[in-house]
Amino acid sequence: MRRARRVAERQRPLWMLAPGGVLLVLVVGVPLAVAGQISLLDLDQYTFRQWLDAPFVGLDNYVEAVRDSSLPHAIWVSTAYAVIVTLVTLPVGVAAALAAHDRFTGRGLVRSVLLVPYVLPAFVVGTVWRVILQPDGVADAAVGRAGLDAGLWLNGPRSFWALVIVQAWTAWPLLYLLTLAGLQTVDPEVHEAAAIDGAGWWVKLRRLIFPYLRGPVALGLVITFLHSVNNFTLPYVLFGVPSPRDVEVLPVLTYVESFQNFRFGLSAAMAVFSLGVVAVPLLGYLRAVRLT
């Protein structure tokens, strides 16, 4: 009897985790399994109604995605712009958090206003910036006043930098928010000790404050990168479909193959590749914080 009770007590945590585990399998595991199966089939508009009976093609969709489609280019564009956005948002977010951390009149209002770009829906952000970047729009007027040549922002080589600017504008408040949360964990005695020792602001920031921010900042960088790589709404609203080749990001390419070309098997293979792209930095972060 005692043995059965001890076994039941040891298994109690597992039973408490069971509902979350079941939900995780249904929400994540089942769609992944279905996507993996579809990626092995020749599934298109003609075989979609009987997709379980669609011809099995093995790894042909993966080979076609790598050799005969724009997938390598889309992965390069998505990764490059996500890395640039992540690097740009880091100093902006940290500087904003440091500026909004100290007490001053209206601090709550300033903190709230700084979050506006992040909380706005991506569709709204894309629509507003599309108007700004239109030919002869606000962006062209500002560039012209600076004595520079105005050009096309929504097509051609400048479209890549337009996407970087808009994505960075909407993403930096996340770094600001996480950095601000990290600053709240700094022990007040650290500030007192630094003041007593006469440490300058840079020495205090680099030696005493930054160690507290490693975890939140690292998490913010990973989330910013993953969100940028997976962002579909912003490029879709800004540039439409088909998008210019300079901003042919992976989510939009997958969408085009699925819902315009109706190559569902090929698009599923592309989705699997995109999972690999986002898994690399995520696993790196988890290993860095010793969660794996």
Protein backbone atom coordinates (compact mmCIF):
# COMPACT_ATOMS: atom_id res chain seq x y z
CA MET A 1 0.00 0.00 0.00
CA ARG A 2 2.78 2.41 0.92
CA ARG A 3 4.68 1.46 -2.21
CA ALA A 4 1.66 2.19 -4.41
CA ARG A 5 1.22 5.52 -2.66
CA ARG A 6 4.86 6.46 -3.25
CA VAL A 7 4.56 5.53 -6.92
CA ALA A 8 1.40 7.64 -7.21
CA GLU A 9 3.15 10.61 -5.60
CA ARG A 10 6.09 10.31 -7.99
CA GLN A 11 3.74 10.17 -10.97
CA ARG A 12 1.66 13.15 -9.84
CA PRO A 13 3.85 15.72 -11.64
CA LEU A 14 3.49 13.74 -14.86
CA TRP A 15 -0.30 13.77 -14.57
CA MET A 16 -0.21 17.52 -13.97
CA LEU A 17 1.86 17.96 -17.15
CA ALA A 18 -0.38 15.66 -19.19
CA PRO A 19 -2.98 18.30 -20.29
CA GLY A 20 -0.26 20.62 -21.55
CA GLY A 21 1.48 17.71 -23.27
CA VAL A 22 -1.69 16.64 -25.04
CA LEU A 23 -2.35 20.23 -26.16
CA LEU A 24 1.24 20.54 -27.40
CA VAL A 25 0.88 17.37 -29.46
CA LEU A 26 -2.40 18.55 -30.99
CA VAL A 27 -1.26 22.10 -31.74
CA VAL A 28 2.36 21.44 -32.77
CA GLY A 29 2.96 17.73 -33.31
CA VAL A 30 -0.03 16.88 -35.52
CA PRO A 31 0.43 19.85 -37.94
CA LEU A 32 4.14 19.05 -38.23
CA ALA A 33 3.37 15.43 -39.02
CA VAL A 34 0.77 16.43 -41.63
CA ALA A 35 3.17 18.92 -43.23
CA GLY A 36 5.87 16.26 -43.35
CA GLN A 37 3.51 13.83 -45.03
CA ILE A 38 2.28 16.39 -47.57
CA SER A 39 5.88 17.28 -48.46
CA LEU A 40 6.35 13.69 -49.67
CA LEU A 41 3.33 13.77 -51.98
CA ASP A 42 2.66 15.22 -55.44
CA LEU A 43 -0.22 17.27 -54.10
CA ASP A 44 -1.76 19.95 -56.29
CA GLN A 45 -5.18 21.30 -57.25
CA TYR A 46 -6.00 18.07 -59.07
CA THR A 47 -5.21 15.67 -56.22
CA PHE A 48 -6.14 17.91 -53.28
CA ARG A 49 -9.61 16.45 -52.72
CA GLN A 50 -8.13 12.95 -52.30
CA TRP A 51 -4.84 14.07 -50.78
CA LEU A 52 -4.34 10.81 -48.91
CA ASP A 53 -4.27 9.04 -52.27
CA ALA A 54 -1.96 11.57 -53.95
CA PRO A 55 1.12 10.08 -55.68
CA PHE A 56 4.05 9.49 -53.34
CA VAL A 57 7.18 11.19 -54.68
CA GLY A 58 9.55 10.80 -51.73
CA LEU A 59 12.15 13.56 -51.57
CA ASP A 60 11.45 14.93 -55.06
CA ASN A 61 9.75 18.03 -53.64
CA TYR A 62 12.82 18.80 -51.52
CA VAL A 63 15.13 18.33 -54.50
CA GLU A 64 12.94 20.55 -56.68
CA ALA A 65 12.79 23.20 -53.95
CA VAL A 66 16.59 23.37 -53.77
CA ARG A 67 17.41 23.02 -57.47
CA ASP A 68 14.52 24.44 -59.48
CA SER A 69 12.85 27.06 -57.28
CA SER A 70 13.75 30.36 -55.64
CA LEU A 71 14.09 28.71 -52.22
CA PRO A 72 17.88 29.27 -51.79
CA HIS A 73 17.47 32.92 -52.76
CA ALA A 74 14.50 33.33 -50.41
CA ILE A 75 16.42 31.77 -47.52
CA TRP A 76 19.32 34.14 -48.19
CA VAL A 77 17.06 37.21 -48.35
CA SER A 78 15.11 36.20 -45.22
CA THR A 79 18.25 35.43 -43.21
CA ALA A 80 20.14 38.54 -44.35
CA TYR A 81 17.36 40.98 -43.60
CA ALA A 82 16.55 39.27 -40.28
CA VAL A 83 20.19 39.52 -39.17
CA ILE A 84 20.38 43.20 -40.14
CA VAL A 85 17.12 43.98 -38.35
CA THR A 86 18.31 42.16 -35.23
CA LEU A 87 21.60 44.07 -35.19
CA VAL A 88 19.84 47.41 -35.71
CA THR A 89 17.25 46.87 -33.00
CA LEU A 90 19.84 45.93 -30.36
CA PRO A 91 21.41 49.36 -29.70
CA VAL A 92 18.11 51.19 -30.24
CA GLY A 93 16.20 49.00 -27.79
CA VAL A 94 18.92 49.03 -25.14
CA ALA A 95 19.38 52.82 -25.39
CA ALA A 96 15.62 53.41 -25.10
CA ALA A 97 15.43 51.14 -22.04
CA LEU A 98 18.30 52.94 -20.34
CA ALA A 99 16.69 56.30 -21.09
CA ALA A 100 13.26 55.23 -19.78
CA HIS A 101 14.58 53.45 -16.69
CA ASP A 102 15.37 56.44 -14.46
CA ARG A 103 12.58 58.32 -12.70
CA PHE A 104 11.30 61.48 -14.38
CA THR A 105 7.98 63.26 -14.84
CA GLY A 106 5.80 61.43 -17.35
CA ARG A 107 7.89 58.26 -17.32
CA GLY A 108 4.84 56.00 -17.52
CA LEU A 109 3.52 57.83 -20.56
CA VAL A 110 6.90 57.71 -22.31
CA ARG A 111 7.24 53.99 -21.62
CA SER A 112 3.80 53.36 -23.10
CA VAL A 113 4.42 55.48 -26.20
CA LEU A 114 7.66 53.65 -26.94
CA LEU A 115 5.69 50.41 -27.23
CA VAL A 116 3.31 51.71 -29.91
CA PRO A 117 5.27 50.41 -32.95
CA TYR A 118 5.32 46.91 -31.46
CA VAL A 119 1.64 46.68 -30.50
CA LEU A 120 0.28 48.00 -33.79
CA PRO A 121 -1.06 45.22 -36.07
CA ALA A 122 1.35 44.30 -38.85
CA PHE A 123 -1.34 45.00 -41.44
CA VAL A 124 -1.73 48.57 -40.17
CA VAL A 125 2.05 49.09 -40.08
CA GLY A 126 2.44 47.75 -43.61
CA THR A 127 -0.39 49.89 -44.97
CA VAL A 128 0.89 53.12 -43.40
CA TRP A 129 4.47 52.55 -44.53
CA ARG A 130 3.29 51.61 -48.02
CA VAL A 131 1.68 55.05 -48.27
CA ILE A 132 4.85 56.69 -46.93
CA LEU A 133 7.08 54.85 -49.41
CA GLN A 134 4.91 55.45 -52.48
CA PRO A 135 6.55 57.35 -55.38
CA ASP A 136 6.39 61.09 -54.66
CA GLY A 137 5.33 60.26 -51.12
CA VAL A 138 6.61 61.33 -47.72
CA ALA A 139 9.83 59.31 -47.98
CA ASP A 140 10.71 60.78 -51.38
CA ALA A 141 10.01 64.30 -50.10
CA ALA A 142 12.26 63.78 -47.07
CA VAL A 143 15.06 62.33 -49.20
CA GLY A 144 14.72 65.17 -51.69
CA ARG A 145 15.02 67.80 -48.96
CA ALA A 146 18.23 66.15 -47.83
CA GLY A 147 19.64 66.65 -51.31
CA LEU A 148 19.54 62.97 -52.28
CA ASP A 149 17.99 61.38 -55.32
CA ALA A 150 14.53 59.94 -54.74
CA GLY A 151 13.82 56.51 -56.17
CA LEU A 152 11.55 53.52 -55.95
CA TRP A 153 11.26 52.13 -52.42
CA LEU A 154 8.73 49.39 -53.17
CA ASN A 155 10.57 47.89 -56.14
CA GLY A 156 14.17 47.32 -57.12
CA PRO A 157 17.23 47.19 -54.84
CA ARG A 158 15.84 49.79 -52.42
CA SER A 159 12.93 47.52 -51.56
CA PHE A 160 15.25 45.35 -49.45
CA TRP A 161 16.29 48.33 -47.33
CA ALA A 162 12.69 49.52 -47.14
CA LEU A 163 11.76 46.16 -45.64
CA VAL A 164 14.67 46.39 -43.19
CA ILE A 165 13.65 49.89 -42.08
CA VAL A 166 9.99 49.01 -41.56
CA GLN A 167 10.71 45.73 -39.80
CA ALA A 168 13.29 47.38 -37.52
CA TRP A 169 10.82 50.18 -36.72
CA THR A 170 8.21 47.69 -35.57
CA ALA A 171 10.62 45.26 -33.83
CA TRP A 172 12.91 47.41 -31.65
CA PRO A 173 10.36 47.92 -28.80
CA LEU A 174 10.66 44.22 -27.95
CA LEU A 175 14.36 44.68 -27.14
CA TYR A 176 13.42 47.83 -25.23
CA LEU A 177 10.79 45.99 -23.18
CA LEU A 178 12.99 42.99 -22.30
CA THR A 179 15.96 45.21 -21.49
CA LEU A 180 13.78 47.37 -19.28
CA ALA A 181 12.59 44.24 -17.47
CA GLY A 182 16.22 43.20 -16.99
CA LEU A 183 17.08 46.61 -15.53
CA GLN A 184 14.39 46.12 -12.89
CA THR A 185 16.28 43.09 -11.57
CA VAL A 186 19.48 45.03 -10.84
CA ASP A 187 20.05 45.11 -7.08
CA PRO A 188 19.90 48.70 -5.74
CA GLU A 189 23.02 47.92 -3.71
CA VAL A 190 24.91 47.59 -7.00
CA HIS A 191 24.12 51.22 -7.84
CA GLU A 192 25.07 52.32 -4.32
CA ALA A 193 28.39 50.46 -4.44
CA ALA A 194 29.21 51.95 -7.85
CA ALA A 195 28.45 55.45 -6.56
CA ILE A 196 30.63 54.94 -3.49
CA ASP A 197 33.53 53.64 -5.62
CA GLY A 198 33.17 56.59 -7.99
CA ALA A 199 32.62 54.41 -11.07
CA GLY A 200 31.87 56.32 -14.26
CA TRP A 201 28.67 55.70 -16.20
CA TRP A 202 30.39 53.59 -18.87
CA VAL A 203 32.29 51.43 -16.37
CA LYS A 204 29.13 51.01 -14.33
CA LEU A 205 27.14 50.10 -17.42
CA ARG A 206 29.68 47.66 -18.84
CA ARG A 207 30.87 45.95 -15.65
CA LEU A 208 27.77 46.03 -13.43
CA ILE A 209 24.61 46.53 -15.49
CA PHE A 210 25.26 44.55 -18.68
CA PRO A 211 25.76 41.20 -16.85
CA TYR A 212 22.15 41.47 -15.64
CA LEU A 213 20.97 42.06 -19.20
CA ARG A 214 22.58 39.09 -20.94
CA GLY A 215 19.60 36.79 -20.56
CA PRO A 216 16.83 39.25 -21.52
CA VAL A 217 18.84 40.71 -24.40
CA ALA A 218 19.74 37.27 -25.75
CA LEU A 219 16.10 36.24 -25.61
CA GLY A 220 15.08 39.46 -27.38
CA LEU A 221 17.64 38.92 -30.14
CA VAL A 222 16.44 35.37 -30.78
CA ILE A 223 12.77 36.37 -30.82
CA THR A 224 13.49 39.33 -33.11
CA PHE A 225 15.39 37.12 -35.56
CA LEU A 226 12.71 34.42 -35.57
CA HIS A 227 9.90 36.93 -35.96
CA SER A 228 11.68 38.64 -38.84
CA VAL A 229 12.35 35.36 -40.66
CA ASN A 230 8.75 34.19 -40.22
CA ASN A 231 7.05 37.52 -40.86
CA PHE A 232 4.56 37.15 -43.69
CA THR A 233 2.07 39.98 -43.20
CA LEU A 234 4.49 42.91 -43.42
CA PRO A 235 6.20 41.93 -46.74
CA TYR A 236 2.85 40.85 -48.16
CA VAL A 237 1.16 44.17 -47.40
CA LEU A 238 4.17 46.30 -48.34
CA PHE A 239 5.05 44.75 -51.68
CA GLY A 240 2.12 42.56 -52.68
CA VAL A 241 2.34 39.27 -54.55
CA PRO A 242 4.38 38.43 -56.51
CA SER A 243 6.89 40.47 -54.55
CA PRO A 244 10.07 41.98 -56.06
CA ARG A 245 12.94 39.52 -56.14
CA ASP A 246 14.94 41.65 -53.70
CA VAL A 247 12.31 41.03 -51.00
CA GLU A 248 11.21 37.52 -51.97
CA VAL A 249 11.25 36.21 -48.41
CA LEU A 250 10.58 32.60 -47.47
CA PRO A 251 7.03 32.96 -46.04
CA VAL A 252 5.81 34.82 -49.13
CA LEU A 253 7.43 32.30 -51.48
CA THR A 254 5.75 29.46 -49.60
CA TYR A 255 2.42 31.27 -49.84
CA VAL A 256 2.82 31.79 -53.60
CA GLU A 257 3.60 28.12 -54.20
CA SER A 258 0.59 27.07 -52.12
CA PHE A 259 -2.19 29.46 -53.03
CA GLN A 260 -1.19 30.78 -56.44
CA ASN A 261 0.67 27.88 -58.05
CA PHE A 262 -1.25 25.26 -56.01
CA ARG A 263 1.90 23.18 -55.49
CA PHE A 264 1.01 22.09 -51.98
CA GLY A 265 3.62 19.34 -51.76
CA LEU A 266 6.39 21.69 -52.87
CA SER A 267 5.26 24.43 -50.47
CA ALA A 268 5.17 21.92 -47.60
CA ALA A 269 8.78 21.02 -48.37
CA MET A 270 9.65 24.72 -48.29
CA ALA A 271 7.90 25.00 -44.93
CA VAL A 272 10.05 22.18 -43.60
CA PHE A 273 13.15 24.03 -44.77
CA SER A 274 11.91 27.18 -43.01
CA LEU A 275 11.53 25.15 -39.83
CA GLY A 276 15.19 24.23 -40.09
CA VAL A 277 16.15 27.88 -40.57
CA VAL A 278 14.40 28.96 -37.36
CA ALA A 279 15.48 25.89 -35.39
CA VAL A 280 19.20 26.67 -35.60
CA PRO A 281 19.20 29.95 -33.60
CA LEU A 282 16.52 28.62 -31.26
CA LEU A 283 18.56 25.53 -30.35
CA GLY A 284 21.63 27.73 -29.97
CA TYR A 285 19.79 29.95 -27.50
CA LEU A 286 18.40 27.00 -25.54
CA ARG A 287 21.85 25.48 -25.27
CA ALA A 288 23.32 28.83 -24.21
CA VAL A 289 20.88 29.16 -21.33
CA ARG A 290 21.35 25.47 -20.43
CA LEU A 291 17.79 24.41 -21.11
CA THR A 292 18.88 21.46 -23.26
